[in-house]
């Protein structure tokens, strides 16, 4: 394998006429890092990946690979291999021929091609399938061939554009594990696009969350989950998603209240002023503590059994929320029951409703970023 590449994006913009798809993107990807670009459909993540690959030109800004400006470098000369959502296999070629094709085009010696194909096939569990055509393979096998075709090139980096989206749920889970193992074995730089935040959380060293052509936050999966910078990131990262409620400071600003709840705040969230004067408060479904003496109350609308856990769908005031509780605790409540609960101060997230920014400092209106 080639040495892993560093990739740096500086003030990147991409426009199609008057339509701005990416706006002032700054992003540094370390050598050997697994970075996931995640966000909803249309947020610009695939366009950013294609800009890195050289399949889209930059309207403005700079792209550097290993410190070299590559804005005008052709895709084949960037030493990055791309794996597409559609697999893009040649239907008339065998698995071995598909994997060898790019090397054959480059006039590599046949014995070296054979060695690389056999090594990649062994790594991906394809050794017994080298003589088959793509139509004779399952979706997961086709995806492994597409990855193998990239591996044989021994590039400095791999670019994945939603490679698992055509697979069923169980196979996606299996392939996530295989891709993570592959990254550990190869040590190559990998940039991976997905709309599935579960894939992002399980695969990434770091995640870049995009929305509307802007990077909302970059950090480790744990950082984004525990300390989101804004309400969008808080709602996008985590499954089930965070619960949100309108709220206001209560009295001395050491607590917040809304319809059906009042919570004590951790000290870092007792902000003095807000740009709009209004709050949104959020908490994860997993942090509910059912407590007959708890300060808050909700009504059970639905109970979903999930095995050793259950999901309670609650009506709290006029808003709905989800609570993940033990199956034992769920067995003690029924549809229509009113349950009391509490949330620890450290598990609460407070957002300025006007800007959506998370409030975490004790200073007037300040939000960490």
Protein backbone atom coordinates (compact mmCIF):
# COMPACT_ATOMS: atom_id res chain seq x y z
CA UNK A 1 0.00 0.00 0.00
CA UNK A 2 1.02 3.59 -0.61
CA UNK A 3 1.48 5.84 2.39
CA UNK A 4 -1.84 7.20 3.64
CA UNK A 5 -2.75 10.61 2.28
CA UNK A 6 -3.62 13.82 4.09
CA UNK A 7 -6.51 15.75 2.54
CA UNK A 8 -7.24 19.39 3.22
CA UNK A 9 -10.18 21.44 1.99
CA UNK A 10 -9.90 25.22 2.32
CA UNK A 11 -12.83 27.62 1.84
CA UNK A 12 -14.31 25.26 -0.76
CA UNK A 13 -17.39 26.44 -2.60
CA UNK A 14 -19.42 24.67 -5.25
CA UNK A 15 -22.13 26.42 -7.22
CA UNK A 16 -24.27 25.44 -10.16
CA UNK A 17 -25.38 28.78 -11.58
CA UNK A 18 -27.15 30.59 -8.77
CA UNK A 19 -27.51 27.41 -6.72
CA UNK A 20 -24.86 27.13 -3.96
CA UNK A 21 -24.37 23.47 -3.04
CA UNK A 22 -21.31 23.87 -0.78
CA UNK A 23 -20.41 27.05 1.07
CA UNK A 24 -16.99 27.89 2.52
CA UNK A 25 -16.08 24.34 3.57
CA UNK A 26 -12.93 23.92 5.69
CA UNK A 27 -11.92 20.37 6.52
CA UNK A 28 -8.64 18.62 7.39
CA UNK A 29 -8.40 14.83 7.12
CA UNK A 30 -5.38 13.20 8.73
CA UNK A 31 -3.29 10.41 7.23
CA UNK A 32 -4.95 7.08 7.97
CA UNK A 33 -8.10 8.70 9.34
CA UNK A 34 -11.60 7.32 8.73
CA UNK A 35 -13.74 10.42 8.26
CA UNK A 36 -17.47 10.11 7.64
CA UNK A 37 -19.48 12.83 5.91
CA UNK A 38 -23.04 12.57 7.14
CA UNK A 39 -26.22 14.54 6.70
CA UNK A 40 -29.69 14.41 5.15
CA UNK A 41 -30.32 14.02 1.44
CA UNK A 42 -29.33 17.14 -0.49
CA UNK A 43 -26.93 18.50 2.14
CA UNK A 44 -23.92 18.41 -0.23
CA UNK A 45 -21.97 15.47 1.19
CA UNK A 46 -21.73 13.50 -2.08
CA UNK A 47 -20.81 16.66 -3.98
CA UNK A 48 -17.98 17.29 -1.50
CA UNK A 49 -16.72 13.73 -1.99
CA UNK A 50 -16.83 14.14 -5.77
CA UNK A 51 -14.88 17.39 -5.45
CA UNK A 52 -12.19 15.54 -3.48
CA UNK A 53 -12.15 12.79 -6.12
CA UNK A 54 -11.84 15.31 -8.96
CA UNK A 55 -15.18 14.32 -10.51
CA UNK A 56 -16.51 17.82 -9.81
CA UNK A 57 -14.59 21.06 -10.24
CA UNK A 58 -14.35 23.60 -7.42
CA UNK A 59 -16.09 26.92 -7.93
CA UNK A 60 -13.78 28.47 -5.34
CA UNK A 61 -11.33 27.41 -2.64
CA UNK A 62 -8.50 24.90 -2.54
CA UNK A 63 -8.05 21.14 -2.32
CA UNK A 64 -4.68 19.82 -1.11
CA UNK A 65 -3.58 16.18 -1.07
CA UNK A 66 -0.38 15.58 0.90
CA UNK A 67 0.11 19.34 0.87
CA UNK A 68 -0.06 19.58 -2.94
CA UNK A 69 -2.67 21.83 -4.55
CA UNK A 70 -4.87 19.51 -6.61
CA UNK A 71 -7.66 21.73 -7.90
CA UNK A 72 -6.68 21.02 -11.51
CA UNK A 73 -5.19 17.54 -11.07
CA UNK A 74 -7.09 14.83 -12.97
CA UNK A 75 -8.93 12.15 -10.93
CA UNK A 76 -6.56 9.36 -12.03
CA UNK A 77 -3.53 11.33 -10.83
CA UNK A 78 -4.86 12.02 -7.31
CA UNK A 79 -4.14 8.43 -6.19
CA UNK A 80 -7.56 8.10 -4.56
CA UNK A 81 -9.84 5.12 -5.26
CA UNK A 82 -13.61 5.61 -5.26
CA UNK A 83 -16.26 3.02 -4.40
CA UNK A 84 -19.71 3.89 -5.72
CA UNK A 85 -23.19 3.15 -4.42
CA UNK A 86 -24.06 1.31 -7.64
CA UNK A 87 -20.95 -0.96 -7.49
CA UNK A 88 -20.24 -0.06 -11.18
CA UNK A 89 -19.02 -3.55 -12.09
CA UNK A 90 -18.59 -4.60 -15.71
CA UNK A 91 -21.31 -7.24 -16.25
CA UNK A 92 -19.40 -9.16 -18.94
CA UNK A 93 -16.24 -9.51 -16.82
CA UNK A 94 -15.53 -12.05 -14.09
CA UNK A 95 -14.77 -10.98 -10.54
CA UNK A 96 -11.04 -11.36 -11.23
CA UNK A 97 -11.27 -9.34 -14.44
CA UNK A 98 -13.26 -6.58 -12.75
CA UNK A 99 -10.70 -6.32 -9.97
CA UNK A 100 -7.78 -6.37 -12.40
CA UNK A 101 -9.19 -3.95 -14.96
CA UNK A 102 -7.63 -0.69 -13.73
CA UNK A 103 -4.25 -2.38 -13.38
CA UNK A 104 -4.47 -3.82 -16.88
CA UNK A 105 -5.24 -0.36 -18.30
CA UNK A 106 -2.05 0.87 -16.65
CA UNK A 107 -0.06 -1.92 -18.35
CA UNK A 108 1.06 -3.48 -15.06
CA UNK A 109 2.87 -6.84 -15.42
CA UNK A 110 0.44 -9.77 -15.39
CA UNK A 111 2.13 -11.57 -12.49
CA UNK A 112 1.86 -8.43 -10.33
CA UNK A 113 -1.80 -8.03 -11.28
CA UNK A 114 -2.49 -11.66 -10.34
CA UNK A 115 -0.70 -11.26 -7.02
CA UNK A 116 -2.65 -8.13 -6.08
CA UNK A 117 -6.00 -9.62 -7.14
CA UNK A 118 -5.39 -12.82 -5.18
CA UNK A 119 -4.31 -10.90 -2.07
CA UNK A 120 -7.34 -8.62 -2.19
CA UNK A 121 -9.68 -11.54 -2.86
CA UNK A 122 -8.30 -13.44 0.13
CA UNK A 123 -8.69 -10.40 2.36
CA UNK A 124 -12.32 -9.93 1.28
CA UNK A 125 -13.39 -13.59 1.18
CA UNK A 126 -13.69 -13.63 -2.61
CA UNK A 127 -11.12 -16.28 -3.51
CA UNK A 128 -13.76 -18.86 -4.46
CA UNK A 129 -15.71 -16.34 -6.56
CA UNK A 130 -13.00 -15.04 -8.89
CA UNK A 131 -14.42 -16.87 -11.91
CA UNK A 132 -18.01 -15.71 -11.46
CA UNK A 133 -19.84 -12.92 -13.26
CA UNK A 134 -21.50 -10.08 -11.28
CA UNK A 135 -25.00 -11.43 -12.04
CA UNK A 136 -24.06 -14.61 -10.15
CA UNK A 137 -23.22 -12.69 -6.96
CA UNK A 138 -25.29 -11.40 -4.06
CA UNK A 139 -25.43 -7.68 -3.27
CA UNK A 140 -22.89 -8.06 -0.49
CA UNK A 141 -20.52 -10.00 -2.73
CA UNK A 142 -20.78 -7.36 -5.45
CA UNK A 143 -19.96 -4.67 -2.93
CA UNK A 144 -16.89 -6.60 -1.79
CA UNK A 145 -15.76 -6.87 -5.43
CA UNK A 146 -16.13 -3.11 -5.80
CA UNK A 147 -14.01 -2.62 -2.68
CA UNK A 148 -11.49 -5.17 -3.96
CA UNK A 149 -11.18 -3.31 -7.24
CA UNK A 150 -10.19 -0.25 -5.22
CA UNK A 151 -7.78 -2.16 -2.95
CA UNK A 152 -5.72 -3.63 -5.79
CA UNK A 153 -4.74 -0.12 -6.87
CA UNK A 154 -3.04 0.37 -3.48
CA UNK A 155 -4.08 4.04 -3.38
CA UNK A 156 -3.27 6.65 -0.75
CA UNK A 157 -6.93 6.98 0.11
CA UNK A 158 -10.39 5.53 -0.43
CA UNK A 159 -13.58 7.48 -1.13
CA UNK A 160 -16.88 5.70 -0.42
CA UNK A 161 -20.17 7.14 -1.71
CA UNK A 162 -22.99 5.48 0.27
CA UNK A 163 -21.63 2.01 -0.55
CA UNK A 164 -24.05 0.06 1.67
CA UNK A 165 -27.34 1.77 0.83
CA UNK A 166 -28.43 -0.97 -1.61
CA UNK A 167 -28.02 -3.73 0.97
CA UNK A 168 -30.62 -5.03 3.43
CA UNK A 169 -30.30 -4.13 7.11
CA UNK A 170 -28.57 -7.31 8.31
CA UNK A 171 -26.05 -7.26 5.46
CA UNK A 172 -25.33 -3.57 6.07
CA UNK A 173 -24.43 -4.42 9.65
CA UNK A 174 -22.08 -7.18 8.49
CA UNK A 175 -20.43 -4.97 5.87
CA UNK A 176 -19.91 -2.16 8.40
CA UNK A 177 -17.81 -4.55 10.47
CA UNK A 178 -15.88 -5.67 7.39
CA UNK A 179 -15.11 -2.09 6.35
CA UNK A 180 -13.94 -1.20 9.85
CA UNK A 181 -11.63 -4.23 9.90
CA UNK A 182 -10.36 -3.31 6.45
CA UNK A 183 -9.46 0.18 7.61
CA UNK A 184 -7.56 -1.21 10.59
CA UNK A 185 -5.66 -3.63 8.33
CA UNK A 186 -4.79 -1.18 5.55
CA UNK A 187 -4.23 1.97 7.60
CA UNK A 188 -5.35 3.99 4.59
CA UNK A 189 -7.16 7.33 4.65
CA UNK A 190 -10.87 6.78 4.11
CA UNK A 191 -13.61 9.33 3.45
CA UNK A 192 -17.08 7.84 3.61
CA UNK A 193 -20.42 9.42 2.69
CA UNK A 194 -23.70 8.24 4.21
CA UNK A 195 -27.09 9.57 5.24
CA UNK A 196 -27.26 6.85 7.91
CA UNK A 197 -26.03 8.22 11.22
CA UNK A 198 -25.72 4.67 12.63
CA UNK A 199 -23.09 3.95 9.95
CA UNK A 200 -21.39 7.21 10.82
CA UNK A 201 -21.28 6.46 14.55
CA UNK A 202 -19.97 2.91 14.15
CA UNK A 203 -17.36 3.50 11.42
CA UNK A 204 -15.85 6.93 11.97
CA UNK A 205 -12.78 8.17 13.75
CA UNK A 206 -14.38 11.57 13.20
CA UNK A 207 -17.67 12.71 11.71
CA UNK A 208 -18.41 15.86 9.73
CA UNK A 209 -22.12 16.72 9.87
CA UNK A 210 -23.39 18.69 6.87
CA UNK A 211 -26.65 20.52 6.39
CA UNK A 212 -27.59 22.95 3.63
CA UNK A 213 -24.08 22.94 2.17
CA UNK A 214 -22.41 23.93 5.45
CA UNK A 215 -20.40 21.90 7.95
CA UNK A 216 -22.34 22.04 11.21
CA UNK A 217 -19.79 20.24 13.41
CA UNK A 218 -16.75 17.97 13.15
CA UNK A 219 -15.75 15.66 15.97
CA UNK A 220 -15.54 12.12 17.25
CA UNK A 221 -18.79 10.14 17.46
CA UNK A 222 -18.80 10.57 21.24
CA UNK A 223 -18.23 14.34 21.00
CA UNK A 224 -21.13 14.78 18.60
CA UNK A 225 -23.40 12.56 20.66
CA UNK A 226 -22.60 14.06 24.07
CA UNK A 227 -21.80 17.68 23.17
CA UNK A 228 -23.58 18.70 19.97
CA UNK A 229 -22.89 22.28 18.91
CA UNK A 230 -26.45 22.95 17.80
CA UNK A 231 -29.96 21.60 17.68
CA UNK A 232 -29.57 20.15 14.18
CA UNK A 233 -26.59 18.00 15.16
CA UNK A 234 -28.32 17.00 18.41
CA UNK A 235 -31.38 15.83 16.49
CA UNK A 236 -29.52 14.13 13.66
CA UNK A 237 -26.97 12.16 15.68
CA UNK A 238 -28.39 9.41 17.87
CA UNK A 239 -30.98 6.68 17.39
CA UNK A 240 -33.72 7.08 18.52
CA UNK A 241 -33.36 10.85 18.06
CA UNK A 242 -33.19 13.38 20.86
CA UNK A 243 -36.45 14.63 22.37
CA UNK A 244 -37.02 18.40 22.12
CA UNK A 245 -39.35 20.72 24.04
CA UNK A 246 -39.95 24.42 24.26
CA UNK A 247 -38.90 25.76 27.65
CA UNK A 248 -38.06 28.87 29.65
CA UNK A 249 -35.76 29.67 32.51
CA UNK A 250 -37.39 29.35 35.90
CA UNK A 251 -36.78 32.04 38.52
CA UNK A 252 -33.07 32.06 39.35
CA UNK A 253 -32.15 30.41 36.00
CA UNK A 254 -30.88 27.33 37.82
CA UNK A 255 -33.73 25.39 36.24
CA UNK A 256 -35.93 25.32 33.14
CA UNK A 257 -39.58 24.51 32.85
CA UNK A 258 -42.14 23.74 30.21
CA UNK A 259 -45.50 22.07 29.92
CA UNK A 260 -45.27 18.92 32.02
CA UNK A 261 -41.70 19.28 33.30
CA UNK A 262 -39.22 21.31 35.31
CA UNK A 263 -35.53 20.43 35.42
CA UNK A 264 -32.50 21.61 37.36
CA UNK A 265 -29.69 22.71 35.04
CA UNK A 266 -26.00 21.90 35.20
CA UNK A 267 -23.99 25.01 36.03
CA UNK A 268 -22.44 25.38 32.54
CA UNK A 269 -25.91 25.79 30.99
CA UNK A 270 -27.11 28.65 33.19
CA UNK A 271 -26.61 31.26 30.45
CA UNK A 272 -27.41 34.89 31.25
CA UNK A 273 -28.90 36.10 27.99
CA UNK A 274 -30.28 34.66 24.78
CA UNK A 275 -30.35 36.20 21.33
CA UNK A 276 -34.08 35.56 21.04
CA UNK A 277 -35.00 35.15 24.68
CA UNK A 278 -36.41 31.64 24.16
CA UNK A 279 -35.09 28.15 24.86
CA UNK A 280 -35.40 24.67 23.48
CA UNK A 281 -34.42 21.82 25.76
CA UNK A 282 -33.49 18.29 24.73
CA UNK A 283 -32.62 14.94 26.23
CA UNK A 284 -31.83 11.51 24.84
CA UNK A 285 -34.47 8.74 25.07
CA UNK A 286 -31.91 6.60 26.93
CA UNK A 287 -31.58 8.95 29.93
CA UNK A 288 -35.15 8.75 31.26
CA UNK A 289 -35.30 7.63 34.87
CA UNK A 290 -38.77 6.34 35.75
CA UNK A 291 -39.41 7.48 39.29
CA UNK A 292 -42.72 7.56 41.12
CA UNK A 293 -41.51 10.67 42.94
CA UNK A 294 -40.00 12.32 39.85
CA UNK A 295 -40.74 15.99 39.10
CA UNK A 296 -42.11 15.37 35.59
CA UNK A 297 -45.05 13.48 34.20
CA UNK A 298 -46.04 11.93 30.89
CA UNK A 299 -48.81 9.73 29.54
CA UNK A 300 -48.00 6.43 27.83
CA UNK A 301 -49.36 6.27 24.26
CA UNK A 302 -47.51 3.23 22.85
CA UNK A 303 -45.12 0.60 24.23
CA UNK A 304 -42.69 -1.00 21.76
CA UNK A 305 -40.97 -4.18 22.92
CA UNK A 306 -37.34 -4.30 21.77
CA UNK A 307 -36.12 -7.39 23.59
CA UNK A 308 -34.29 -6.55 26.81
CA UNK A 309 -35.43 -2.93 26.39
CA UNK A 310 -38.67 -1.21 25.50
CA UNK A 311 -39.52 2.15 23.97
CA UNK A 312 -42.25 4.14 25.68
CA UNK A 313 -43.94 6.74 23.49
CA UNK A 314 -45.06 9.47 25.87
CA UNK A 315 -47.21 12.56 25.66
CA UNK A 316 -45.62 15.22 27.85
CA UNK A 317 -47.72 18.35 27.99
CA UNK A 318 -48.63 18.87 24.34
CA UNK A 319 -45.51 17.24 22.88
CA UNK A 320 -44.43 13.68 22.24
CA UNK A 321 -41.25 11.98 23.43
CA UNK A 322 -39.60 8.57 23.43
CA UNK A 323 -38.09 6.85 26.47
CA UNK A 324 -35.90 3.74 26.34
CA UNK A 325 -36.41 1.74 29.55
CA UNK A 326 -35.82 -1.82 30.69
CA UNK A 327 -38.34 -4.44 29.61
CA UNK A 328 -39.05 -5.06 33.31
CA UNK A 329 -39.91 -1.41 33.90
CA UNK A 330 -42.07 -1.29 30.77
CA UNK A 331 -44.02 -4.37 31.87
CA UNK A 332 -45.31 -2.39 34.85
CA UNK A 333 -46.99 0.31 32.74
CA UNK A 334 -49.82 0.21 30.22
CA UNK A 335 -51.35 2.34 27.50
CA UNK A 336 -52.92 5.45 29.03
CA UNK A 337 -50.95 5.25 32.29
CA UNK A 338 -49.36 8.40 33.64
CA UNK A 339 -45.73 7.92 34.66
CA UNK A 340 -43.40 10.18 36.56
CA UNK A 341 -39.75 10.56 35.61
CA UNK A 342 -36.60 12.59 36.16
CA UNK A 343 -33.60 13.60 34.04
CA UNK A 344 -30.16 14.23 35.54
CA UNK A 345 -28.85 17.78 34.96
CA UNK A 346 -25.78 16.49 33.09
CA UNK A 347 -28.07 14.74 30.58
CA UNK A 348 -29.93 17.89 29.55
CA UNK A 349 -29.12 19.94 26.46
CA UNK A 350 -30.21 23.59 26.18
CA UNK A 351 -30.43 25.49 22.89
CA UNK A 352 -31.07 29.11 21.99
CA UNK A 353 -34.26 28.80 19.94
CA UNK A 354 -33.38 31.76 17.74
CA UNK A 355 -29.96 30.50 16.60
CA UNK A 356 -30.19 26.80 17.44
CA UNK A 357 -26.80 26.99 19.18
CA UNK A 358 -26.08 24.89 22.24
CA UNK A 359 -25.68 26.88 25.45
CA UNK A 360 -22.86 25.55 27.55
CA UNK A 361 -20.90 28.42 29.08
CA UNK A 362 -21.95 30.53 32.04
CA UNK A 363 -21.34 33.69 30.02
CA UNK A 364 -24.04 35.86 28.57
CA UNK A 365 -25.45 34.29 25.44
CA UNK A 366 -22.23 32.41 24.68
CA UNK A 367 -22.39 29.04 22.95
CA UNK A 368 -19.45 26.75 22.39
CA UNK A 369 -18.62 25.93 18.82
